Amino acid sequence: MTNSMSACADNTTWPAEPSDLEVAISVAQQLLDSDQIPSLREALRLLLRALGAESQQQVTGTQPPALRCPAAHPEDPTPCVGPVAVTILDRENAGASGCEHHGARLLASLDGGRVYALPHASEGAAIRTFKAAATTLPYAWVKRGERP
């Protein structure tokens, strides 16, 4: 008797992960009619980053752009903490990978976001990121009372 579950699982092919450009285009298309300025800025930032067209003036963090993870918002001055370990996805499955610190800040700024550990991440990376996001204010880098 053969194990039909095993045979079925062996024939399963997963769709290819979308490229950064595909994700950025998807986010931009979804937000085209949005009046949410922070979301529009983030979509534009993702698109420019995916195209390799993000200027030095757009990155205001303490690290050069090459040293910051893709989940780090350009207006967030905090440095990355550790290696890229998690992927944060929004409701539409658009997302970015980043260190646990910036992953938590991004997750805290999304409605309905999810976190997944990357295969090489240390054990518990996703749960640490999730717990940190639960105690982080959305757009934590913006001073309270100012509009992002």
N, C-alpha and C. Protein backbone atom coordinates (compact mmCIF):
# COMPACT_ATOMS: atom_id res chain seq x y z
N MET A 1 0.85 -1.17 0.00
CA MET A 1 0.00 0.00 0.00
C MET A 1 0.90 1.24 0.00
N THR A 2 0.61 2.17 -0.87
CA THR A 2 1.42 3.39 -0.94
C THR A 2 0.75 4.50 -0.16
N ASN A 3 1.56 5.39 0.25
CA ASN A 3 1.06 6.53 1.01
C ASN A 3 0.68 7.63 0.03
N SER A 4 -0.60 7.80 -0.22
CA SER A 4 -1.06 8.79 -1.20
C SER A 4 -0.77 10.21 -0.75
N MET A 5 -0.76 10.46 0.55
CA MET A 5 -0.45 11.80 1.04
C MET A 5 0.98 12.18 0.68
N SER A 6 1.90 11.23 0.82
CA SER A 6 3.30 11.50 0.52
C SER A 6 3.47 11.77 -0.97
N ALA A 7 2.80 10.98 -1.80
CA ALA A 7 2.92 11.16 -3.24
C ALA A 7 2.36 12.50 -3.66
N CYS A 8 1.27 12.90 -3.04
CA CYS A 8 0.64 14.18 -3.36
C CYS A 8 1.56 15.34 -2.95
N ALA A 9 2.14 15.23 -1.77
CA ALA A 9 3.01 16.30 -1.28
C ALA A 9 4.24 16.45 -2.14
N ASP A 10 4.76 15.32 -2.69
CA ASP A 10 5.96 15.38 -3.51
C ASP A 10 5.70 16.09 -4.83
N ASN A 11 4.47 16.08 -5.31
CA ASN A 11 4.15 16.69 -6.60
C ASN A 11 3.72 18.14 -6.47
N THR A 12 3.67 18.65 -5.27
CA THR A 12 3.23 20.02 -5.06
C THR A 12 4.34 20.98 -5.43
N THR A 13 3.99 21.96 -6.24
CA THR A 13 4.96 23.01 -6.57
C THR A 13 4.40 24.32 -6.05
N TRP A 14 5.25 25.07 -5.41
CA TRP A 14 4.83 26.34 -4.85
C TRP A 14 5.09 27.43 -5.87
N PRO A 15 4.22 28.43 -5.92
CA PRO A 15 4.47 29.53 -6.84
C PRO A 15 5.75 30.27 -6.44
N ALA A 16 6.40 30.81 -7.43
CA ALA A 16 7.63 31.56 -7.17
C ALA A 16 7.31 32.80 -6.34
N GLU A 17 8.24 33.15 -5.44
CA GLU A 17 8.07 34.34 -4.63
C GLU A 17 8.15 35.56 -5.54
N PRO A 18 7.24 36.53 -5.37
CA PRO A 18 7.27 37.70 -6.25
C PRO A 18 8.55 38.51 -6.04
N SER A 19 8.99 39.15 -7.11
CA SER A 19 10.18 39.99 -7.03
C SER A 19 9.84 41.26 -6.25
N ASP A 20 10.88 41.97 -5.82
CA ASP A 20 10.67 43.23 -5.12
C ASP A 20 9.88 44.20 -5.99
N LEU A 21 10.18 44.21 -7.30
CA LEU A 21 9.48 45.11 -8.20
C LEU A 21 8.01 44.73 -8.32
N GLU A 22 7.70 43.45 -8.42
CA GLU A 22 6.31 43.01 -8.50
C GLU A 22 5.54 43.39 -7.24
N VAL A 23 6.18 43.23 -6.09
CA VAL A 23 5.54 43.60 -4.81
C VAL A 23 5.30 45.11 -4.77
N ALA A 24 6.30 45.89 -5.16
CA ALA A 24 6.17 47.34 -5.14
C ALA A 24 5.08 47.82 -6.08
N ILE A 25 5.00 47.23 -7.26
CA ILE A 25 3.95 47.60 -8.22
C ILE A 25 2.58 47.25 -7.66
N SER A 26 2.46 46.09 -7.06
CA SER A 26 1.18 45.67 -6.47
C SER A 26 0.73 46.63 -5.38
N VAL A 27 1.65 47.00 -4.51
CA VAL A 27 1.32 47.93 -3.42
C VAL A 27 0.91 49.29 -4.01
N ALA A 28 1.66 49.78 -4.98
CA ALA A 28 1.34 51.08 -5.59
C ALA A 28 -0.03 51.05 -6.26
N GLN A 29 -0.34 49.96 -6.97
CA GLN A 29 -1.64 49.86 -7.62
C GLN A 29 -2.77 49.84 -6.60
N GLN A 30 -2.58 49.15 -5.50
CA GLN A 30 -3.62 49.06 -4.47
C GLN A 30 -3.86 50.41 -3.79
N LEU A 31 -2.81 51.22 -3.68
CA LEU A 31 -2.93 52.49 -2.97
C LEU A 31 -3.16 53.68 -3.89
N LEU A 32 -3.36 53.42 -5.17
CA LEU A 32 -3.49 54.49 -6.15
C LEU A 32 -4.58 55.50 -5.77
N ASP A 33 -5.70 55.04 -5.27
CA ASP A 33 -6.80 55.93 -4.91
C ASP A 33 -6.85 56.25 -3.42
N SER A 34 -5.80 55.92 -2.70
CA SER A 34 -5.78 56.13 -1.25
C SER A 34 -5.53 57.58 -0.90
N ASP A 35 -6.11 58.01 0.22
CA ASP A 35 -5.81 59.34 0.73
C ASP A 35 -4.93 59.25 1.97
N GLN A 36 -4.36 58.07 2.21
CA GLN A 36 -3.48 57.85 3.36
C GLN A 36 -2.05 58.20 2.97
N ILE A 37 -1.60 59.36 3.35
CA ILE A 37 -0.28 59.85 2.96
C ILE A 37 0.85 58.91 3.39
N PRO A 38 0.88 58.42 4.64
CA PRO A 38 1.98 57.51 5.01
C PRO A 38 2.01 56.25 4.15
N SER A 39 0.85 55.71 3.82
CA SER A 39 0.80 54.51 3.00
C SER A 39 1.28 54.80 1.58
N LEU A 40 0.90 55.95 1.04
CA LEU A 40 1.35 56.33 -0.30
C LEU A 40 2.86 56.54 -0.33
N ARG A 41 3.39 57.18 0.70
CA ARG A 41 4.83 57.40 0.78
C ARG A 41 5.57 56.07 0.84
N GLU A 42 5.03 55.14 1.63
CA GLU A 42 5.67 53.83 1.77
C GLU A 42 5.64 53.07 0.45
N ALA A 43 4.51 53.14 -0.27
CA ALA A 43 4.41 52.47 -1.58
C ALA A 43 5.41 53.06 -2.56
N LEU A 44 5.53 54.37 -2.57
CA LEU A 44 6.50 55.01 -3.46
C LEU A 44 7.93 54.64 -3.07
N ARG A 45 8.20 54.59 -1.77
CA ARG A 45 9.53 54.19 -1.30
C ARG A 45 9.87 52.78 -1.75
N LEU A 46 8.90 51.86 -1.61
CA LEU A 46 9.12 50.47 -2.04
C LEU A 46 9.39 50.40 -3.54
N LEU A 47 8.63 51.16 -4.31
CA LEU A 47 8.80 51.15 -5.76
C LEU A 47 10.18 51.69 -6.14
N LEU A 48 10.57 52.81 -5.55
CA LEU A 48 11.89 53.38 -5.86
C LEU A 48 13.01 52.44 -5.43
N ARG A 49 12.87 51.81 -4.26
CA ARG A 49 13.88 50.87 -3.79
C ARG A 49 13.99 49.68 -4.74
N ALA A 50 12.85 49.15 -5.19
CA ALA A 50 12.86 48.00 -6.09
C ALA A 50 13.50 48.34 -7.43
N LEU A 51 13.36 49.58 -7.84
CA LEU A 51 13.96 50.03 -9.10
C LEU A 51 15.41 50.47 -8.93
N GLY A 52 15.88 50.48 -7.68
CA GLY A 52 17.25 50.92 -7.42
C GLY A 52 17.40 52.41 -7.61
N ALA A 53 16.30 53.17 -7.43
CA ALA A 53 16.32 54.60 -7.69
C ALA A 53 16.12 55.43 -6.43
N GLU A 54 16.30 54.85 -5.27
CA GLU A 54 16.15 55.59 -4.02
C GLU A 54 17.37 56.49 -3.85
N SER A 55 17.14 57.79 -3.68
CA SER A 55 18.27 58.71 -3.59
C SER A 55 18.83 58.76 -2.18
N GLN A 56 20.03 59.27 -2.03
CA GLN A 56 20.67 59.40 -0.74
C GLN A 56 19.87 60.33 0.18
N GLN A 57 19.22 61.36 -0.39
CA GLN A 57 18.45 62.28 0.43
C GLN A 57 17.22 61.61 1.02
N GLN A 58 16.71 60.55 0.38
CA GLN A 58 15.52 59.87 0.88
C GLN A 58 15.83 59.00 2.08
N VAL A 59 17.07 58.67 2.27
CA VAL A 59 17.45 57.80 3.38
C VAL A 59 18.01 58.67 4.48
N THR A 60 17.28 58.79 5.56
CA THR A 60 17.69 59.69 6.64
C THR A 60 18.18 58.94 7.86
N GLY A 61 18.32 57.64 7.76
CA GLY A 61 18.75 56.84 8.90
C GLY A 61 20.20 57.05 9.23
N THR A 62 20.65 56.42 10.30
CA THR A 62 22.03 56.59 10.74
C THR A 62 22.99 55.70 9.97
N GLN A 63 22.46 54.73 9.23
CA GLN A 63 23.30 53.85 8.45
C GLN A 63 23.13 54.16 6.97
N PRO A 64 24.16 53.92 6.15
CA PRO A 64 23.98 54.07 4.71
C PRO A 64 22.90 53.09 4.23
N PRO A 65 22.21 53.41 3.12
CA PRO A 65 21.12 52.55 2.67
C PRO A 65 21.53 51.11 2.42
N ALA A 66 22.74 50.89 1.98
CA ALA A 66 23.19 49.53 1.71
C ALA A 66 23.30 48.70 2.98
N LEU A 67 23.43 49.37 4.13
CA LEU A 67 23.58 48.67 5.40
C LEU A 67 22.27 48.51 6.16
N ARG A 68 21.19 49.06 5.64
CA ARG A 68 19.89 48.95 6.31
C ARG A 68 19.05 47.91 5.59
N CYS A 69 18.25 47.21 6.35
CA CYS A 69 17.41 46.17 5.79
C CYS A 69 16.26 46.78 4.98
N PRO A 70 15.66 46.01 4.08
CA PRO A 70 14.56 46.52 3.26
C PRO A 70 13.34 46.94 4.07
N ALA A 71 13.16 46.44 5.28
CA ALA A 71 12.00 46.80 6.10
C ALA A 71 12.19 48.14 6.81
N ALA A 72 13.40 48.68 6.81
CA ALA A 72 13.67 49.94 7.50
C ALA A 72 13.08 51.11 6.73
N HIS A 73 12.24 51.88 7.39
CA HIS A 73 11.66 53.07 6.77
C HIS A 73 12.75 54.13 6.66
N PRO A 74 12.82 54.87 5.56
CA PRO A 74 13.89 55.85 5.41
C PRO A 74 13.87 56.96 6.45
N GLU A 75 12.73 57.23 7.05
CA GLU A 75 12.65 58.27 8.08
C GLU A 75 12.91 57.73 9.48
N ASP A 76 13.07 56.44 9.61
CA ASP A 76 13.35 55.80 10.90
C ASP A 76 14.86 55.88 11.14
N PRO A 77 15.31 56.63 12.15
CA PRO A 77 16.74 56.82 12.35
C PRO A 77 17.44 55.65 13.05
N THR A 78 16.70 54.65 13.50
CA THR A 78 17.32 53.57 14.26
C THR A 78 18.08 52.61 13.34
N PRO A 79 19.21 52.10 13.82
CA PRO A 79 19.99 51.15 13.03
C PRO A 79 19.37 49.76 13.06
N CYS A 80 19.75 48.94 12.12
CA CYS A 80 19.32 47.54 12.11
C CYS A 80 19.90 46.85 13.34
N VAL A 81 19.15 45.87 13.83
CA VAL A 81 19.61 45.07 14.95
C VAL A 81 19.64 43.63 14.48
N GLY A 82 20.81 43.16 14.15
CA GLY A 82 20.95 41.80 13.67
C GLY A 82 20.73 41.68 12.18
N PRO A 83 20.81 40.45 11.68
CA PRO A 83 20.68 40.21 10.25
C PRO A 83 19.21 40.22 9.80
N VAL A 84 19.00 40.26 8.50
CA VAL A 84 17.65 40.11 7.94
C VAL A 84 17.17 38.72 8.32
N ALA A 85 16.05 38.65 9.06
CA ALA A 85 15.60 37.38 9.62
C ALA A 85 14.13 37.09 9.41
N VAL A 86 13.33 38.11 9.11
CA VAL A 86 11.88 37.92 8.99
C VAL A 86 11.35 38.61 7.74
N THR A 87 10.20 38.14 7.29
CA THR A 87 9.46 38.81 6.23
C THR A 87 8.13 39.26 6.81
N ILE A 88 7.79 40.50 6.56
CA ILE A 88 6.52 41.07 7.01
C ILE A 88 5.64 41.22 5.78
N LEU A 89 4.43 40.67 5.87
CA LEU A 89 3.47 40.77 4.76
C LEU A 89 2.24 41.54 5.21
N ASP A 90 1.66 42.31 4.29
CA ASP A 90 0.41 42.99 4.60
C ASP A 90 -0.76 42.11 4.18
N ARG A 91 -1.97 42.64 4.24
CA ARG A 91 -3.16 41.86 3.90
C ARG A 91 -3.16 41.35 2.47
N GLU A 92 -2.49 42.06 1.58
CA GLU A 92 -2.46 41.71 0.16
C GLU A 92 -1.21 40.90 -0.20
N ASN A 93 -0.47 40.45 0.78
CA ASN A 93 0.76 39.67 0.62
C ASN A 93 1.92 40.47 0.03
N ALA A 94 1.84 41.78 0.08
CA ALA A 94 2.99 42.60 -0.28
C ALA A 94 3.83 42.73 0.98
N GLY A 95 5.12 42.76 0.83
CA GLY A 95 5.92 42.85 2.04
C GLY A 95 7.38 43.12 1.81
N ALA A 96 8.10 43.04 2.92
CA ALA A 96 9.54 43.29 2.90
C ALA A 96 10.19 42.43 3.97
N SER A 97 11.42 42.06 3.70
CA SER A 97 12.20 41.31 4.68
C SER A 97 13.08 42.29 5.45
N GLY A 98 13.37 41.94 6.70
CA GLY A 98 14.19 42.84 7.48
C GLY A 98 14.70 42.21 8.75
N CYS A 99 15.44 43.02 9.50
CA CYS A 99 15.91 42.58 10.80
C CYS A 99 14.70 42.52 11.74
N GLU A 100 14.85 41.89 12.88
CA GLU A 100 13.73 41.78 13.81
C GLU A 100 13.25 43.16 14.27
N HIS A 101 14.16 44.08 14.50
CA HIS A 101 13.81 45.41 14.99
C HIS A 101 12.93 46.16 13.97
N HIS A 102 13.41 46.28 12.73
CA HIS A 102 12.63 47.00 11.73
C HIS A 102 11.41 46.20 11.29
N GLY A 103 11.50 44.88 11.35
CA GLY A 103 10.33 44.05 11.07
C GLY A 103 9.21 44.33 12.06
N ALA A 104 9.56 44.48 13.33
CA ALA A 104 8.56 44.77 14.37
C ALA A 104 7.96 46.16 14.15
N ARG A 105 8.77 47.12 13.78
CA ARG A 105 8.26 48.48 13.55
C ARG A 105 7.35 48.52 12.34
N LEU A 106 7.70 47.77 11.28
CA LEU A 106 6.84 47.70 10.10
C LEU A 106 5.54 46.99 10.44
N LEU A 107 5.62 45.87 11.13
CA LEU A 107 4.43 45.11 11.51
C LEU A 107 3.49 45.95 12.37
N ALA A 108 4.04 46.73 13.29
CA ALA A 108 3.23 47.59 14.16
C ALA A 108 2.50 48.67 13.36
N SER A 109 3.03 49.01 12.20
CA SER A 109 2.45 50.08 11.38
C SER A 109 1.44 49.57 10.36
N LEU A 110 1.24 48.27 10.30
CA LEU A 110 0.31 47.67 9.33
C LEU A 110 -0.97 47.20 10.02
N ASP A 111 -2.07 47.24 9.30
CA ASP A 111 -3.30 46.62 9.75
C ASP A 111 -3.37 45.24 9.12
N GLY A 112 -3.46 44.22 9.92
CA GLY A 112 -3.57 42.86 9.39
C GLY A 112 -2.28 42.29 8.86
N GLY A 113 -1.15 42.79 9.33
CA GLY A 113 0.14 42.29 8.88
C GLY A 113 0.47 40.94 9.51
N ARG A 114 1.40 40.23 8.88
CA ARG A 114 1.85 38.92 9.37
C ARG A 114 3.37 38.88 9.30
N VAL A 115 3.95 38.05 10.15
CA VAL A 115 5.40 37.91 10.17
C VAL A 115 5.77 36.44 9.98
N TYR A 116 6.79 36.22 9.18
CA TYR A 116 7.31 34.87 8.93
C TYR A 116 8.83 34.90 9.07
N ALA A 117 9.37 33.89 9.71
CA ALA A 117 10.82 33.79 9.83
C ALA A 117 11.40 33.29 8.51
N LEU A 118 12.54 33.82 8.14
CA LEU A 118 13.25 33.32 6.96
C LEU A 118 13.94 32.01 7.32
N PRO A 119 14.22 31.17 6.34
CA PRO A 119 14.79 29.84 6.64
C PRO A 119 16.08 29.87 7.45
N HIS A 120 16.91 30.87 7.29
CA HIS A 120 18.19 30.94 7.99
C HIS A 120 18.10 31.66 9.34
N ALA A 121 16.92 32.15 9.69
CA ALA A 121 16.76 32.93 10.92
C ALA A 121 16.94 32.07 12.16
N SER A 122 17.35 32.72 13.23
CA SER A 122 17.48 31.99 14.49
C SER A 122 16.10 31.58 14.98
N GLU A 123 16.06 30.52 15.77
CA GLU A 123 14.79 30.02 16.26
C GLU A 123 14.07 31.09 17.08
N GLY A 124 12.78 31.27 16.82
CA GLY A 124 11.97 32.22 17.56
C GLY A 124 11.98 33.63 17.00
N ALA A 125 12.61 33.84 15.84
CA ALA A 125 12.70 35.20 15.27
C ALA A 125 11.32 35.79 15.00
N ALA A 126 10.42 35.00 14.45
CA ALA A 126 9.08 35.52 14.12
C ALA A 126 8.30 35.87 15.37
N ILE A 127 8.36 35.03 16.38
CA ILE A 127 7.59 35.30 17.60
C ILE A 127 8.18 36.50 18.35
N ARG A 128 9.51 36.65 18.34
CA ARG A 128 10.12 37.82 18.98
C ARG A 128 9.67 39.10 18.26
N THR A 129 9.65 39.04 16.94
CA THR A 129 9.22 40.19 16.14
C THR A 129 7.76 40.52 16.42
N PHE A 130 6.92 39.49 16.46
CA PHE A 130 5.49 39.67 16.73
C PHE A 130 5.27 40.31 18.10
N LYS A 131 5.97 39.80 19.11
CA LYS A 131 5.82 40.34 20.47
C LYS A 131 6.32 41.79 20.55
N ALA A 132 7.42 42.08 19.88
CA ALA A 132 7.94 43.45 19.88
C ALA A 132 6.96 44.39 19.19
N ALA A 133 6.34 43.94 18.10
CA ALA A 133 5.36 44.77 17.38
C ALA A 133 4.16 45.09 18.25
N ALA A 134 3.79 44.14 19.11
CA ALA A 134 2.61 44.33 19.97
C ALA A 134 2.82 45.47 20.97
N THR A 135 4.07 45.80 21.27
CA THR A 135 4.35 46.87 22.23
C THR A 135 4.98 48.10 21.56
N THR A 136 4.89 48.16 20.23
CA THR A 136 5.47 49.26 19.47
C THR A 136 4.36 50.11 18.87
N LEU A 137 4.48 51.42 18.97
CA LEU A 137 3.49 52.31 18.36
C LEU A 137 3.64 52.30 16.84
N PRO A 138 2.54 52.40 16.10
CA PRO A 138 2.66 52.54 14.64
C PRO A 138 3.49 53.78 14.30
N TYR A 139 4.29 53.68 13.27
CA TYR A 139 5.17 54.77 12.84
C TYR A 139 5.94 55.32 14.04
N ALA A 140 6.61 54.43 14.74
CA ALA A 140 7.29 54.77 15.99
C ALA A 140 8.35 55.85 15.83
N TRP A 141 8.85 56.08 14.65
CA TRP A 141 9.89 57.06 14.42
C TRP A 141 9.31 58.48 14.29
N VAL A 142 7.98 58.61 14.21
CA VAL A 142 7.35 59.92 14.08
C VAL A 142 7.04 60.45 15.47
N LYS A 143 7.41 61.69 15.72
CA LYS A 143 7.12 62.31 17.01
C LYS A 143 5.62 62.47 17.14
N ARG A 144 5.10 62.15 18.30
CA ARG A 144 3.67 62.25 18.54
C ARG A 144 3.21 63.69 18.32
N GLY A 145 2.10 63.85 17.67
CA GLY A 145 1.58 65.18 17.38
C GLY A 145 1.94 65.66 15.98
N GLU A 146 2.94 65.01 15.36
CA GLU A 146 3.31 65.36 13.98
C GLU A 146 2.65 64.36 13.05
N ARG A 147 2.36 64.79 11.84
CA ARG A 147 1.80 63.87 10.86
C ARG A 147 2.95 63.17 10.13
N PRO A 148 2.82 61.86 9.92
CA PRO A 148 3.88 61.14 9.19
C PRO A 148 3.89 61.52 7.73
